[in-house]
Amino acid sequence: MDMTDARWRTATRSSNNGGDCVEVADNLPGRVLVRDSKDPDGGTLTFPPTAWASFVELVRQSER
């Protein structure tokens, strides 16, 4: 999978306590990529945008 154009950003809910961060790249057509910022070469999860949106919405609902 070509990820050269992926623009990684730290997830909004990642903590600021020394690197426990999840990075997300949602700028690629038809997929959302997720990786561990401490190990960016260790593997990447790939989700369809609709599945990622559902996950984010469920997280938001659980925080209420």
PDB file of N, CA and C in Angstrom:
ATOM      1  N   MET A   1       0.853  -1.164   0.000  1.00  0.00           N
ATOM      2  CA  MET A   1       0.000   0.000   0.000  1.00  0.00           C
ATOM      3  C   MET A   1       0.908   1.239   0.000  1.00  0.00           C
ATOM      4  N   ASP A   2       0.638   2.153  -0.893  1.00  0.00           N
ATOM      5  CA  ASP A   2       1.410   3.388  -0.982  1.00  0.00           C
ATOM      6  C   ASP A   2       0.897   4.396   0.040  1.00  0.00           C
ATOM      7  N   MET A   3       1.775   4.756   0.984  1.00  0.00           N
ATOM      8  CA  MET A   3       1.402   5.714   2.022  1.00  0.00           C
ATOM      9  C   MET A   3       2.261   6.970   1.941  1.00  0.00           C
ATOM     10  N   THR A   4       2.940   7.189   0.815  1.00  0.00           N
ATOM     11  CA  THR A   4       3.849   8.322   0.711  1.00  0.00           C
ATOM     12  C   THR A   4       3.145   9.661   0.828  1.00  0.00           C
ATOM     13  N   ASP A   5       1.881   9.746   0.459  1.00  0.00           N
ATOM     14  CA  ASP A   5       1.137  11.008   0.550  1.00  0.00           C
ATOM     15  C   ASP A   5       0.349  11.162   1.844  1.00  0.00           C
ATOM     16  N   ALA A   6       0.476  10.191   2.737  1.00  0.00           N
ATOM     17  CA  ALA A   6      -0.269  10.258   3.999  1.00  0.00           C
ATOM     18  C   ALA A   6       0.221  11.444   4.828  1.00  0.00           C
ATOM     19  N   ARG A   7      -0.724  12.243   5.298  1.00  0.00           N
ATOM     20  CA  ARG A   7      -0.420  13.361   6.207  1.00  0.00           C
ATOM     21  C   ARG A   7      -0.853  12.929   7.608  1.00  0.00           C
ATOM     22  N   TRP A   8       0.124  12.578   8.421  1.00  0.00           N
ATOM     23  CA  TRP A   8      -0.136  12.062   9.755  1.00  0.00           C
ATOM     24  C   TRP A   8      -0.357  13.206  10.734  1.00  0.00           C
ATOM     25  N   ARG A   9      -1.317  13.013  11.629  1.00  0.00           N
ATOM     26  CA  ARG A   9      -1.566  13.962  12.710  1.00  0.00           C
ATOM     27  C   ARG A   9      -1.844  13.155  13.972  1.00  0.00           C
ATOM     28  N   THR A  10      -1.524  13.748  15.102  1.00  0.00           N
ATOM     29  CA  THR A  10      -1.793  13.096  16.370  1.00  0.00           C
ATOM     30  C   THR A  10      -3.288  13.164  16.638  1.00  0.00           C
ATOM     31  N   ALA A  11      -3.848  12.055  17.012  1.00  0.00           N
ATOM     32  CA  ALA A  11      -5.279  11.993  17.294  1.00  0.00           C
ATOM     33  C   ALA A  11      -5.634  12.959  18.424  1.00  0.00           C
ATOM     34  N   THR A  12      -6.790  13.559  18.316  1.00  0.00           N
ATOM     35  CA  THR A  12      -7.246  14.570  19.270  1.00  0.00           C
ATOM     36  C   THR A  12      -7.237  14.050  20.700  1.00  0.00           C
ATOM     37  N   ARG A  13      -7.616  12.818  20.908  1.00  0.00           N
ATOM     38  CA  ARG A  13      -7.741  12.271  22.262  1.00  0.00           C
ATOM     39  C   ARG A  13      -6.483  11.586  22.767  1.00  0.00           C
ATOM     40  N   SER A  14      -5.401  11.622  22.024  1.00  0.00           N
ATOM     41  CA  SER A  14      -4.160  11.034  22.515  1.00  0.00           C
ATOM     42  C   SER A  14      -3.640  11.848  23.682  1.00  0.00           C
ATOM     43  N   SER A  15      -2.994  11.187  24.598  1.00  0.00           N
ATOM     44  CA  SER A  15      -2.514  11.879  25.793  1.00  0.00           C
ATOM     45  C   SER A  15      -1.218  12.628  25.502  1.00  0.00           C
ATOM     46  N   ASN A  16      -0.886  13.529  26.393  1.00  0.00           N
ATOM     47  CA  ASN A  16       0.348  14.301  26.271  1.00  0.00           C
ATOM     48  C   ASN A  16       1.364  13.867  27.325  1.00  0.00           C
ATOM     49  N   ASN A  17       1.359  12.593  27.677  1.00  0.00           N
ATOM     50  CA  ASN A  17       2.217  12.149  28.776  1.00  0.00           C
ATOM     51  C   ASN A  17       3.416  11.346  28.293  1.00  0.00           C
ATOM     52  N   GLY A  18       4.094  11.849  27.300  1.00  0.00           N
ATOM     53  CA  GLY A  18       5.344  11.215  26.915  1.00  0.00           C
ATOM     54  C   GLY A  18       5.258  10.263  25.753  1.00  0.00           C
ATOM     55  N   GLY A  19       4.354  10.454  24.853  1.00  0.00           N
ATOM     56  CA  GLY A  19       4.393   9.676  23.631  1.00  0.00           C
ATOM     57  C   GLY A  19       3.353   8.600  23.474  1.00  0.00           C
ATOM     58  N   ASP A  20       2.378   8.512  24.358  1.00  0.00           N
ATOM     59  CA  ASP A  20       1.317   7.525  24.191  1.00  0.00           C
ATOM     60  C   ASP A  20       0.300   8.067  23.194  1.00  0.00           C
ATOM     61  N   CYS A  21       0.697   8.098  21.932  1.00  0.00           N
ATOM     62  CA  CYS A  21      -0.138   8.758  20.930  1.00  0.00           C
ATOM     63  C   CYS A  21      -0.513   7.825  19.788  1.00  0.00           C
ATOM     64  N   VAL A  22      -1.672   8.067  19.278  1.00  0.00           N
ATOM     65  CA  VAL A  22      -2.135   7.424  18.057  1.00  0.00           C
ATOM     66  C   VAL A  22      -2.098   8.489  16.976  1.00  0.00           C
ATOM     67  N   GLU A  23      -1.577   8.139  15.805  1.00  0.00           N
ATOM     68  CA  GLU A  23      -1.557   9.056  14.681  1.00  0.00           C
ATOM     69  C   GLU A  23      -2.545   8.577  13.633  1.00  0.00           C
ATOM     70  N   VAL A  24      -3.192   9.527  12.988  1.00  0.00           N
ATOM     71  CA  VAL A  24      -4.221   9.233  11.996  1.00  0.00           C
ATOM     72  C   VAL A  24      -3.879   9.980  10.716  1.00  0.00           C
ATOM     73  N   ALA A  25      -4.055   9.315   9.589  1.00  0.00           N
ATOM     74  CA  ALA A  25      -3.957   9.964   8.280  1.00  0.00           C
ATOM     75  C   ALA A  25      -5.289   9.728   7.581  1.00  0.00           C
ATOM     76  N   ASP A  26      -6.053  10.796   7.401  1.00  0.00           N
ATOM     77  CA  ASP A  26      -7.376  10.651   6.784  1.00  0.00           C
ATOM     78  C   ASP A  26      -7.490  11.449   5.484  1.00  0.00           C
ATOM     79  N   ASN A  27      -6.351  11.690   4.858  1.00  0.00           N
ATOM     80  CA  ASN A  27      -6.340  12.469   3.621  1.00  0.00           C
ATOM     81  C   ASN A  27      -6.260  11.613   2.356  1.00  0.00           C
ATOM     82  N   LEU A  28      -6.194  10.325   2.496  1.00  0.00           N
ATOM     83  CA  LEU A  28      -6.085   9.443   1.329  1.00  0.00           C
ATOM     84  C   LEU A  28      -7.468   8.970   0.898  1.00  0.00           C
ATOM     85  N   PRO A  29      -7.717   8.903  -0.396  1.00  0.00           N
ATOM     86  CA  PRO A  29      -9.042   8.492  -0.867  1.00  0.00           C
ATOM     87  C   PRO A  29      -9.385   7.060  -0.456  1.00  0.00           C
ATOM     88  N   GLY A  30     -10.556   6.904   0.142  1.00  0.00           N
ATOM     89  CA  GLY A  30     -11.086   5.578   0.425  1.00  0.00           C
ATOM     90  C   GLY A  30     -10.489   4.840   1.593  1.00  0.00           C
ATOM     91  N   ARG A  31      -9.659   5.509   2.416  1.00  0.00           N
ATOM     92  CA  ARG A  31      -9.089   4.805   3.567  1.00  0.00           C
ATOM     93  C   ARG A  31      -8.613   5.790   4.622  1.00  0.00           C
ATOM     94  N   VAL A  32      -8.618   5.317   5.847  1.00  0.00           N
ATOM     95  CA  VAL A  32      -8.084   6.055   6.990  1.00  0.00           C
ATOM     96  C   VAL A  32      -7.009   5.160   7.601  1.00  0.00           C
ATOM     97  N   LEU A  33      -5.838   5.723   7.814  1.00  0.00           N
ATOM     98  CA  LEU A  33      -4.717   4.968   8.363  1.00  0.00           C
ATOM     99  C   LEU A  33      -4.501   5.356   9.812  1.00  0.00           C
ATOM    100  N   VAL A  34      -4.120   4.374  10.641  1.00  0.00           N
ATOM    101  CA  VAL A  34      -3.883   4.597  12.065  1.00  0.00           C
ATOM    102  C   VAL A  34      -2.595   3.867  12.439  1.00  0.00           C
ATOM    103  N   ARG A  35      -1.739   4.547  13.216  1.00  0.00           N
ATOM    104  CA  ARG A  35      -0.490   3.923  13.664  1.00  0.00           C
ATOM    105  C   ARG A  35      -0.101   4.440  15.048  1.00  0.00           C
ATOM    106  N   ASP A  36       0.844   3.769  15.662  1.00  0.00           N
ATOM    107  CA  ASP A  36       1.394   4.145  16.963  1.00  0.00           C
ATOM    108  C   ASP A  36       2.539   5.120  16.718  1.00  0.00           C
ATOM    109  N   SER A  37       2.467   6.306  17.310  1.00  0.00           N
ATOM    110  CA  SER A  37       3.508   7.307  17.071  1.00  0.00           C
ATOM    111  C   SER A  37       4.882   6.878  17.596  1.00  0.00           C
ATOM    112  N   LYS A  38       4.913   5.996  18.589  1.00  0.00           N
ATOM    113  CA  LYS A  38       6.187   5.520  19.133  1.00  0.00           C
ATOM    114  C   LYS A  38       6.863   4.521  18.202  1.00  0.00           C
ATOM    115  N   ASP A  39       6.102   3.930  17.295  1.00  0.00           N
ATOM    116  CA  ASP A  39       6.626   2.913  16.389  1.00  0.00           C
ATOM    117  C   ASP A  39       5.991   3.075  15.006  1.00  0.00           C
ATOM    118  N   PRO A  40       6.293   4.171  14.306  1.00  0.00           N
ATOM    119  CA  PRO A  40       5.621   4.451  13.039  1.00  0.00           C
ATOM    120  C   PRO A  40       5.880   3.422  11.938  1.00  0.00           C
ATOM    121  N   ASP A  41       6.959   2.663  12.067  1.00  0.00           N
ATOM    122  CA  ASP A  41       7.241   1.624  11.074  1.00  0.00           C
ATOM    123  C   ASP A  41       6.756   0.247  11.522  1.00  0.00           C
ATOM    124  N   GLY A  42       6.119   0.179  12.673  1.00  0.00           N
ATOM    125  CA  GLY A  42       5.717  -1.097  13.247  1.00  0.00           C
ATOM    126  C   GLY A  42       4.425  -1.667  12.713  1.00  0.00           C
ATOM    127  N   GLY A  43       3.720  -0.936  11.907  1.00  0.00           N
ATOM    128  CA  GLY A  43       2.473  -1.427  11.350  1.00  0.00           C
ATOM    129  C   GLY A  43       1.436  -0.325  11.293  1.00  0.00           C
ATOM    130  N   THR A  44       0.523  -0.484  10.368  1.00  0.00           N
ATOM    131  CA  THR A  44      -0.530   0.502  10.160  1.00  0.00           C
ATOM    132  C   THR A  44      -1.853  -0.213   9.998  1.00  0.00           C
ATOM    133  N   LEU A  45      -2.853   0.262  10.698  1.00  0.00           N
ATOM    134  CA  LEU A  45      -4.210  -0.249  10.525  1.00  0.00           C
ATOM    135  C   LEU A  45      -4.894   0.582   9.451  1.00  0.00           C
ATOM    136  N   THR A  46      -5.704  -0.052   8.632  1.00  0.00           N
ATOM    137  CA  THR A  46      -6.420   0.629   7.565  1.00  0.00           C
ATOM    138  C   THR A  46      -7.910   0.390   7.731  1.00  0.00           C
ATOM    139  N   PHE A  47      -8.677   1.481   7.659  1.00  0.00           N
ATOM    140  CA  PHE A  47     -10.125   1.410   7.820  1.00  0.00           C
ATOM    141  C   PHE A  47     -10.820   2.128   6.669  1.00  0.00           C
ATOM    142  N   PRO A  48     -11.984   1.639   6.262  1.00  0.00           N
ATOM    143  CA  PRO A  48     -12.807   2.429   5.341  1.00  0.00           C
ATOM    144  C   PRO A  48     -13.267   3.694   6.081  1.00  0.00           C
ATOM    145  N   PRO A  49     -13.399   4.808   5.394  1.00  0.00           N
ATOM    146  CA  PRO A  49     -13.815   6.043   6.062  1.00  0.00           C
ATOM    147  C   PRO A  49     -15.128   5.916   6.840  1.00  0.00           C
ATOM    148  N   THR A  50     -16.078   5.152   6.346  1.00  0.00           N
ATOM    149  CA  THR A  50     -17.350   5.002   7.064  1.00  0.00           C
ATOM    150  C   THR A  50     -17.158   4.265   8.386  1.00  0.00           C
ATOM    151  N   ALA A  51     -16.297   3.260   8.401  1.00  0.00           N
ATOM    152  CA  ALA A  51     -16.024   2.528   9.643  1.00  0.00           C
ATOM    153  C   ALA A  51     -15.311   3.434  10.641  1.00  0.00           C
ATOM    154  N   TRP A  52     -14.370   4.233  10.172  1.00  0.00           N
ATOM    155  CA  TRP A  52     -13.650   5.157  11.057  1.00  0.00           C
ATOM    156  C   TRP A  52     -14.615   6.190  11.640  1.00  0.00           C
ATOM    157  N   ALA A  53     -15.483   6.739  10.820  1.00  0.00           N
ATOM    158  CA  ALA A  53     -16.458   7.728  11.287  1.00  0.00           C
ATOM    159  C   ALA A  53     -17.369   7.115  12.347  1.00  0.00           C
ATOM    160  N   SER A  54     -17.788   5.868  12.149  1.00  0.00           N
ATOM    161  CA  SER A  54     -18.630   5.184  13.146  1.00  0.00           C
ATOM    162  C   SER A  54     -17.882   4.997  14.457  1.00  0.00           C
ATOM    163  N   PHE A  55     -16.619   4.607  14.373  1.00  0.00           N
ATOM    164  CA  PHE A  55     -15.795   4.431  15.569  1.00  0.00           C
ATOM    165  C   PHE A  55     -15.669   5.748  16.336  1.00  0.00           C
ATOM    166  N   VAL A  56     -15.339   6.818  15.631  1.00  0.00           N
ATOM    167  CA  VAL A  56     -15.180   8.124  16.280  1.00  0.00           C
ATOM    168  C   VAL A  56     -16.493   8.559  16.931  1.00  0.00           C
ATOM    169  N   GLU A  57     -17.598   8.346  16.272  1.00  0.00           N
ATOM    170  CA  GLU A  57     -18.890   8.720  16.844  1.00  0.00           C
ATOM    171  C   GLU A  57     -19.200   7.916  18.099  1.00  0.00           C
ATOM    172  N   LEU A  58     -18.907   6.631  18.087  1.00  0.00           N
ATOM    173  CA  LEU A  58     -19.128   5.804  19.282  1.00  0.00           C
ATOM    174  C   LEU A  58     -18.263   6.267  20.448  1.00  0.00           C
ATOM    175  N   VAL A  59     -17.027   6.647  20.176  1.00  0.00           N
ATOM    176  CA  VAL A  59     -16.152   7.163  21.229  1.00  0.00           C
ATOM    177  C   VAL A  59     -16.729   8.444  21.800  1.00  0.00           C
ATOM    178  N   ARG A  60     -17.175   9.330  20.936  1.00  0.00           N
ATOM    179  CA  ARG A  60     -17.761  10.596  21.398  1.00  0.00           C
ATOM    180  C   ARG A  60     -18.983  10.344  22.267  1.00  0.00           C
ATOM    181  N   GLN A  61     -19.832   9.410  21.844  1.00  0.00           N
ATOM    182  CA  GLN A  61     -21.034   9.106  22.622  1.00  0.00           C
ATOM    183  C   GLN A  61     -20.684   8.530  23.993  1.00  0.00           C
ATOM    184  N   SER A  62     -19.639   7.734  24.072  1.00  0.00           N
ATOM    185  CA  SER A  62     -19.270   7.115  25.344  1.00  0.00           C
ATOM    186  C   SER A  62     -18.695   8.126  26.319  1.00  0.00           C
ATOM    187  N   GLU A  63     -18.252   9.265  25.815  1.00  0.00           N
ATOM    188  CA  GLU A  63     -17.667  10.293  26.679  1.00  0.00           C
ATOM    189  C   GLU A  63     -18.721  11.214  27.286  1.00  0.00           C
ATOM    190  N   ARG A  64     -19.936  11.099  26.844  1.00  0.00           N
ATOM    191  CA  ARG A  64     -21.003  11.983  27.350  1.00  0.00           C
ATOM    192  C   ARG A  64     -21.519  11.535  28.674  1.00  0.00           C
TER     193      ARG A  64
END
